[in-house]
Amino acid sequence: MFETLGLFVGALLDALIGPNLVVPGEPFMIAAGYQLYSGTYMAVAAVLLGGLIGDQLSFLIGRHYGFNAQKSLLRWQPKIRRPLARCRLLINRNAFWVIAFARLLGPIAWVVPFMAGANHIRWKNSLPTH
């Protein structure tokens, strides 16, 4: 029970903006994979649920505090104005693909839910269009 809760909390902190800078998620995923190999499925469910909830919380934090955080960052580091504008443009144009592939791109996965929230991306806009 406690190991499953620990895996959930670890995955949550790995996906949550802020703590994800110091909490690596790989050990929790490896431990869940080991438990899956041993026949316990709850560990994998706990890690997946922790990551999902962490991403959603990061999105909500970005939705409420993202604009002010970006303004503060630009005052402190004015050189990032162009990369930040390119990031906004990319997320607004290709929200589905950016969000889908961000999970596979390491450190980018830490900030994409926050940036999507800061840019007020909606679920409907993040679905692929044909």
N, C-alpha and C. Protein backbone atom coordinates (compact mmCIF):
# COMPACT_ATOMS: atom_id res chain seq x y z
N MET A 1 0.82 -1.20 0.00
CA MET A 1 0.00 0.00 0.00
C MET A 1 0.86 1.26 0.00
N PHE A 2 1.84 1.32 0.91
CA PHE A 2 2.64 2.54 1.01
C PHE A 2 3.58 2.70 -0.18
N GLU A 3 4.05 1.59 -0.73
CA GLU A 3 4.91 1.72 -1.90
C GLU A 3 4.12 2.23 -3.11
N THR A 4 2.87 1.83 -3.22
CA THR A 4 2.03 2.32 -4.31
C THR A 4 1.73 3.80 -4.12
N LEU A 5 1.46 4.21 -2.90
CA LEU A 5 1.24 5.63 -2.60
C LEU A 5 2.50 6.44 -2.88
N GLY A 6 3.66 5.89 -2.54
CA GLY A 6 4.92 6.57 -2.80
C GLY A 6 5.17 6.74 -4.29
N LEU A 7 4.84 5.73 -5.07
CA LEU A 7 4.99 5.84 -6.52
C LEU A 7 4.05 6.89 -7.09
N PHE A 8 2.83 6.94 -6.57
CA PHE A 8 1.87 7.95 -7.01
C PHE A 8 2.39 9.35 -6.71
N VAL A 9 2.84 9.57 -5.47
CA VAL A 9 3.33 10.90 -5.07
C VAL A 9 4.58 11.27 -5.87
N GLY A 10 5.47 10.32 -6.08
CA GLY A 10 6.67 10.60 -6.87
C GLY A 10 6.34 11.00 -8.30
N ALA A 11 5.42 10.29 -8.92
CA ALA A 11 5.03 10.63 -10.29
C ALA A 11 4.30 11.97 -10.33
N LEU A 12 3.50 12.24 -9.31
CA LEU A 12 2.81 13.53 -9.22
C LEU A 12 3.81 14.67 -9.12
N LEU A 13 4.82 14.53 -8.25
CA LEU A 13 5.81 15.59 -8.09
C LEU A 13 6.69 15.74 -9.33
N ASP A 14 6.91 14.65 -10.05
CA ASP A 14 7.68 14.72 -11.29
C ASP A 14 6.92 15.50 -12.37
N ALA A 15 5.61 15.43 -12.38
CA ALA A 15 4.81 16.10 -13.41
C ALA A 15 4.38 17.50 -13.00
N LEU A 16 4.50 17.85 -11.73
CA LEU A 16 4.02 19.15 -11.23
C LEU A 16 5.09 20.21 -11.43
N ILE A 17 4.70 21.35 -11.99
CA ILE A 17 5.65 22.44 -12.25
C ILE A 17 6.21 22.93 -10.91
N GLY A 18 7.50 23.09 -10.86
CA GLY A 18 8.18 23.49 -9.62
C GLY A 18 8.95 22.31 -9.04
N PRO A 19 8.27 21.39 -8.36
CA PRO A 19 8.99 20.24 -7.81
C PRO A 19 9.63 19.36 -8.88
N ASN A 20 9.14 19.43 -10.12
CA ASN A 20 9.69 18.56 -11.16
C ASN A 20 11.13 18.92 -11.51
N LEU A 21 11.60 20.07 -11.08
CA LEU A 21 12.98 20.44 -11.34
C LEU A 21 13.96 19.67 -10.46
N VAL A 22 13.47 19.14 -9.33
CA VAL A 22 14.36 18.41 -8.42
C VAL A 22 13.94 16.97 -8.19
N VAL A 23 12.73 16.58 -8.61
CA VAL A 23 12.25 15.21 -8.42
C VAL A 23 12.28 14.49 -9.77
N PRO A 24 13.20 13.53 -9.94
CA PRO A 24 13.22 12.78 -11.19
C PRO A 24 12.12 11.73 -11.20
N GLY A 25 11.51 11.52 -12.35
CA GLY A 25 10.41 10.57 -12.44
C GLY A 25 10.83 9.16 -12.81
N GLU A 26 12.02 9.02 -13.38
CA GLU A 26 12.45 7.72 -13.86
C GLU A 26 12.51 6.64 -12.78
N PRO A 27 13.02 6.92 -11.57
CA PRO A 27 13.04 5.86 -10.56
C PRO A 27 11.66 5.31 -10.22
N PHE A 28 10.66 6.16 -10.25
CA PHE A 28 9.30 5.71 -9.93
C PHE A 28 8.75 4.84 -11.05
N MET A 29 9.07 5.20 -12.29
CA MET A 29 8.60 4.39 -13.41
C MET A 29 9.32 3.05 -13.46
N ILE A 30 10.60 3.05 -13.14
CA ILE A 30 11.35 1.79 -13.11
C ILE A 30 10.81 0.89 -12.00
N ALA A 31 10.53 1.47 -10.83
CA ALA A 31 9.98 0.68 -9.73
C ALA A 31 8.60 0.13 -10.09
N ALA A 32 7.80 0.92 -10.78
CA ALA A 32 6.48 0.44 -11.20
C ALA A 32 6.62 -0.68 -12.23
N GLY A 33 7.60 -0.55 -13.11
CA GLY A 33 7.84 -1.62 -14.08
C GLY A 33 8.30 -2.90 -13.41
N TYR A 34 9.12 -2.78 -12.38
CA TYR A 34 9.55 -3.96 -11.64
C TYR A 34 8.36 -4.63 -10.95
N GLN A 35 7.50 -3.80 -10.35
CA GLN A 35 6.33 -4.38 -9.69
C GLN A 35 5.38 -5.00 -10.72
N LEU A 36 5.29 -4.43 -11.89
CA LEU A 36 4.48 -5.02 -12.95
C LEU A 36 5.04 -6.38 -13.35
N TYR A 37 6.36 -6.47 -13.43
CA TYR A 37 7.00 -7.74 -13.73
C TYR A 37 6.71 -8.78 -12.65
N SER A 38 6.57 -8.30 -11.40
CA SER A 38 6.26 -9.20 -10.29
C SER A 38 4.79 -9.57 -10.23
N GLY A 39 3.97 -8.94 -11.05
CA GLY A 39 2.55 -9.28 -11.10
C GLY A 39 1.63 -8.28 -10.45
N THR A 40 2.14 -7.14 -9.98
CA THR A 40 1.32 -6.12 -9.35
C THR A 40 1.02 -5.02 -10.37
N TYR A 41 -0.25 -4.83 -10.68
CA TYR A 41 -0.65 -3.84 -11.68
C TYR A 41 -0.94 -2.47 -11.07
N MET A 42 -1.18 -2.42 -9.78
CA MET A 42 -1.56 -1.15 -9.14
C MET A 42 -0.44 -0.12 -9.20
N ALA A 43 0.80 -0.55 -9.19
CA ALA A 43 1.91 0.40 -9.23
C ALA A 43 1.92 1.19 -10.54
N VAL A 44 1.69 0.50 -11.65
CA VAL A 44 1.66 1.18 -12.94
C VAL A 44 0.48 2.15 -13.00
N ALA A 45 -0.66 1.73 -12.49
CA ALA A 45 -1.83 2.62 -12.46
C ALA A 45 -1.55 3.85 -11.58
N ALA A 46 -0.86 3.64 -10.46
CA ALA A 46 -0.55 4.76 -9.57
C ALA A 46 0.38 5.76 -10.24
N VAL A 47 1.40 5.27 -10.96
CA VAL A 47 2.34 6.17 -11.65
C VAL A 47 1.63 6.92 -12.77
N LEU A 48 0.80 6.23 -13.54
CA LEU A 48 0.08 6.90 -14.63
C LEU A 48 -0.89 7.95 -14.09
N LEU A 49 -1.60 7.61 -13.02
CA LEU A 49 -2.55 8.55 -12.42
C LEU A 49 -1.82 9.75 -11.81
N GLY A 50 -0.69 9.50 -11.14
CA GLY A 50 0.09 10.60 -10.57
C GLY A 50 0.59 11.56 -11.64
N GLY A 51 1.08 11.00 -12.77
CA GLY A 51 1.53 11.85 -13.86
C GLY A 51 0.40 12.65 -14.49
N LEU A 52 -0.76 12.01 -14.66
CA LEU A 52 -1.91 12.70 -15.25
C LEU A 52 -2.39 13.84 -14.35
N ILE A 53 -2.51 13.57 -13.06
CA ILE A 53 -2.96 14.61 -12.13
C ILE A 53 -1.93 15.73 -12.04
N GLY A 54 -0.64 15.38 -12.04
CA GLY A 54 0.40 16.41 -12.00
C GLY A 54 0.36 17.31 -13.22
N ASP A 55 0.16 16.72 -14.39
CA ASP A 55 0.06 17.53 -15.61
C ASP A 55 -1.16 18.45 -15.57
N GLN A 56 -2.27 17.94 -15.08
CA GLN A 56 -3.48 18.76 -15.01
C GLN A 56 -3.31 19.90 -14.00
N LEU A 57 -2.65 19.62 -12.87
CA LEU A 57 -2.40 20.68 -11.90
C LEU A 57 -1.44 21.73 -12.47
N SER A 58 -0.42 21.29 -13.21
CA SER A 58 0.49 22.24 -13.86
C SER A 58 -0.25 23.11 -14.87
N PHE A 59 -1.18 22.49 -15.59
CA PHE A 59 -2.00 23.25 -16.54
C PHE A 59 -2.81 24.32 -15.80
N LEU A 60 -3.45 23.94 -14.69
CA LEU A 60 -4.25 24.90 -13.93
C LEU A 60 -3.39 26.00 -13.33
N ILE A 61 -2.21 25.65 -12.84
CA ILE A 61 -1.29 26.67 -12.32
C ILE A 61 -0.90 27.62 -13.44
N GLY A 62 -0.62 27.08 -14.61
CA GLY A 62 -0.29 27.93 -15.76
C GLY A 62 -1.45 28.82 -16.16
N ARG A 63 -2.66 28.29 -16.09
CA ARG A 63 -3.84 29.06 -16.45
C ARG A 63 -4.01 30.26 -15.52
N HIS A 64 -3.73 30.07 -14.22
CA HIS A 64 -3.97 31.14 -13.26
C HIS A 64 -2.76 32.06 -13.06
N TYR A 65 -1.55 31.51 -13.11
CA TYR A 65 -0.36 32.31 -12.79
C TYR A 65 0.63 32.43 -13.94
N GLY A 66 0.36 31.80 -15.06
CA GLY A 66 1.32 31.75 -16.15
C GLY A 66 1.65 33.08 -16.77
N PHE A 67 0.65 33.92 -17.01
CA PHE A 67 0.90 35.21 -17.65
C PHE A 67 1.78 36.08 -16.77
N ASN A 68 1.47 36.15 -15.48
CA ASN A 68 2.28 36.96 -14.57
C ASN A 68 3.69 36.39 -14.42
N ALA A 69 3.82 35.07 -14.41
CA ALA A 69 5.14 34.44 -14.32
C ALA A 69 5.96 34.76 -15.56
N GLN A 70 5.34 34.76 -16.72
CA GLN A 70 6.06 35.09 -17.94
C GLN A 70 6.49 36.55 -17.94
N LYS A 71 5.64 37.44 -17.47
CA LYS A 71 6.01 38.86 -17.39
C LYS A 71 7.19 39.06 -16.45
N SER A 72 7.17 38.39 -15.31
CA SER A 72 8.28 38.50 -14.36
C SER A 72 9.56 37.94 -14.96
N LEU A 73 9.46 36.83 -15.65
CA LEU A 73 10.63 36.23 -16.28
C LEU A 73 11.21 37.13 -17.36
N LEU A 74 10.34 37.79 -18.11
CA LEU A 74 10.81 38.70 -19.16
C LEU A 74 11.48 39.94 -18.58
N ARG A 75 11.01 40.41 -17.44
CA ARG A 75 11.67 41.54 -16.78
C ARG A 75 13.06 41.14 -16.29
N TRP A 76 13.17 39.90 -15.80
CA TRP A 76 14.43 39.42 -15.26
C TRP A 76 15.40 39.03 -16.36
N GLN A 77 14.91 38.41 -17.44
CA GLN A 77 15.71 37.95 -18.57
C GLN A 77 15.09 38.43 -19.88
N PRO A 78 15.33 39.65 -20.29
CA PRO A 78 14.70 40.15 -21.52
C PRO A 78 15.14 39.43 -22.78
N LYS A 79 16.26 38.69 -22.73
CA LYS A 79 16.75 37.99 -23.92
C LYS A 79 15.85 36.83 -24.34
N ILE A 80 14.97 36.38 -23.47
CA ILE A 80 14.14 35.23 -23.83
C ILE A 80 12.81 35.64 -24.45
N ARG A 81 12.67 36.89 -24.78
CA ARG A 81 11.42 37.35 -25.39
C ARG A 81 11.11 36.61 -26.70
N ARG A 82 12.09 36.48 -27.57
CA ARG A 82 11.87 35.80 -28.86
C ARG A 82 11.61 34.30 -28.68
N PRO A 83 12.41 33.55 -27.89
CA PRO A 83 12.08 32.13 -27.70
C PRO A 83 10.72 31.91 -27.05
N LEU A 84 10.34 32.78 -26.14
CA LEU A 84 9.02 32.65 -25.50
C LEU A 84 7.92 32.92 -26.52
N ALA A 85 8.10 33.90 -27.40
CA ALA A 85 7.10 34.18 -28.44
C ALA A 85 7.01 33.01 -29.42
N ARG A 86 8.14 32.40 -29.76
CA ARG A 86 8.12 31.24 -30.66
C ARG A 86 7.41 30.06 -30.01
N CYS A 87 7.62 29.89 -28.69
CA CYS A 87 6.93 28.83 -27.96
C CYS A 87 5.42 29.04 -27.97
N ARG A 88 4.99 30.27 -27.73
CA ARG A 88 3.56 30.58 -27.76
C ARG A 88 2.96 30.30 -29.14
N LEU A 89 3.67 30.72 -30.18
CA LEU A 89 3.19 30.50 -31.55
C LEU A 89 3.09 29.01 -31.85
N LEU A 90 4.10 28.25 -31.48
CA LEU A 90 4.09 26.81 -31.73
C LEU A 90 2.94 26.13 -31.00
N ILE A 91 2.73 26.48 -29.75
CA ILE A 91 1.64 25.86 -28.98
C ILE A 91 0.29 26.26 -29.54
N ASN A 92 0.13 27.51 -29.95
CA ASN A 92 -1.16 27.94 -30.49
C ASN A 92 -1.46 27.32 -31.84
N ARG A 93 -0.43 27.09 -32.66
CA ARG A 93 -0.66 26.51 -33.99
C ARG A 93 -0.83 25.00 -33.95
N ASN A 94 0.01 24.32 -33.18
CA ASN A 94 0.07 22.86 -33.19
C ASN A 94 -0.11 22.29 -31.79
N ALA A 95 -1.14 22.68 -31.11
CA ALA A 95 -1.32 22.30 -29.71
C ALA A 95 -1.32 20.78 -29.54
N PHE A 96 -2.02 20.07 -30.38
CA PHE A 96 -2.11 18.61 -30.21
C PHE A 96 -0.75 17.96 -30.29
N TRP A 97 0.02 18.28 -31.33
CA TRP A 97 1.29 17.61 -31.53
C TRP A 97 2.32 18.01 -30.47
N VAL A 98 2.30 19.25 -30.06
CA VAL A 98 3.24 19.70 -29.02
C VAL A 98 2.93 18.98 -27.72
N ILE A 99 1.67 18.93 -27.34
CA ILE A 99 1.29 18.29 -26.08
C ILE A 99 1.53 16.78 -26.15
N ALA A 100 1.25 16.17 -27.29
CA ALA A 100 1.41 14.71 -27.42
C ALA A 100 2.87 14.30 -27.36
N PHE A 101 3.74 15.01 -28.05
CA PHE A 101 5.14 14.61 -28.10
C PHE A 101 5.98 15.18 -26.96
N ALA A 102 5.45 16.11 -26.21
CA ALA A 102 6.21 16.70 -25.10
C ALA A 102 6.58 15.65 -24.06
N ARG A 103 5.72 14.67 -23.85
CA ARG A 103 6.00 13.61 -22.87
C ARG A 103 7.26 12.85 -23.22
N LEU A 104 7.64 12.82 -24.49
CA LEU A 104 8.80 12.05 -24.92
C LEU A 104 10.08 12.88 -24.98
N LEU A 105 9.99 14.17 -24.72
CA LEU A 105 11.13 15.06 -24.94
C LEU A 105 11.79 15.57 -23.66
N GLY A 106 11.76 14.79 -22.61
CA GLY A 106 12.51 15.10 -21.38
C GLY A 106 12.13 16.42 -20.75
N PRO A 107 13.09 17.34 -20.64
CA PRO A 107 12.83 18.59 -19.92
C PRO A 107 11.71 19.44 -20.51
N ILE A 108 11.41 19.25 -21.79
CA ILE A 108 10.31 20.00 -22.38
C ILE A 108 8.99 19.58 -21.75
N ALA A 109 8.89 18.32 -21.34
CA ALA A 109 7.67 17.81 -20.71
C ALA A 109 7.39 18.51 -19.39
N TRP A 110 8.41 19.09 -18.78
CA TRP A 110 8.21 19.76 -17.49
C TRP A 110 7.43 21.05 -17.64
N VAL A 111 7.57 21.74 -18.77
CA VAL A 111 6.97 23.07 -18.90
C VAL A 111 5.78 23.14 -19.85
N VAL A 112 5.58 22.13 -20.70
CA VAL A 112 4.51 22.21 -21.70
C VAL A 112 3.12 22.32 -21.06
N PRO A 113 2.76 21.54 -20.03
CA PRO A 113 1.42 21.74 -19.44
C PRO A 113 1.25 23.15 -18.86
N PHE A 114 2.30 23.68 -18.25
CA PHE A 114 2.25 25.04 -17.71
C PHE A 114 2.07 26.06 -18.83
N MET A 115 2.84 25.91 -19.92
CA MET A 115 2.72 26.84 -21.05
C MET A 115 1.37 26.71 -21.74
N ALA A 116 0.84 25.50 -21.84
CA ALA A 116 -0.48 25.33 -22.45
C ALA A 116 -1.53 26.04 -21.60
N GLY A 117 -1.41 25.94 -20.30
CA GLY A 117 -2.34 26.66 -19.43
C GLY A 117 -2.17 28.16 -19.53
N ALA A 118 -0.93 28.63 -19.59
CA ALA A 118 -0.67 30.07 -19.70
C ALA A 118 -1.22 30.63 -21.00
N ASN A 119 -1.23 29.82 -22.06
CA ASN A 119 -1.76 30.27 -23.35
C ASN A 119 -3.24 29.96 -23.52
N HIS A 120 -3.88 29.48 -22.47
CA HIS A 120 -5.31 29.18 -22.45
C HIS A 120 -5.73 28.24 -23.58
N ILE A 121 -4.93 27.19 -23.79
CA ILE A 121 -5.27 26.16 -24.77
C ILE A 121 -6.46 25.38 -24.22
N ARG A 122 -7.45 25.14 -25.05
CA ARG A 122 -8.63 24.37 -24.64
C ARG A 122 -8.49 22.94 -25.14
N TRP A 123 -9.19 22.03 -24.45
CA TRP A 123 -9.18 20.63 -24.87
C TRP A 123 -9.62 20.50 -26.32
N LYS A 124 -10.65 21.21 -26.68
CA LYS A 124 -11.19 21.14 -28.04
C LYS A 124 -10.16 21.60 -29.07
N ASN A 125 -9.35 22.59 -28.73
CA ASN A 125 -8.34 23.09 -29.66
C ASN A 125 -7.13 22.19 -29.73
N SER A 126 -6.95 21.31 -28.74
CA SER A 126 -5.76 20.47 -28.73
C SER A 126 -5.98 19.14 -29.44
N LEU A 127 -7.16 18.94 -30.00
CA LEU A 127 -7.44 17.70 -30.74
C LEU A 127 -6.99 17.88 -32.19
N PRO A 128 -6.53 16.80 -32.83
CA PRO A 128 -6.07 16.95 -34.22
C PRO A 128 -7.22 17.28 -35.16
N THR A 129 -6.91 18.09 -36.14
CA THR A 129 -7.93 18.46 -37.14
C THR A 129 -7.48 17.96 -38.50
N HIS A 130 -8.43 17.53 -39.31
CA HIS A 130 -8.12 17.05 -40.66
C HIS A 130 -9.06 17.68 -41.65
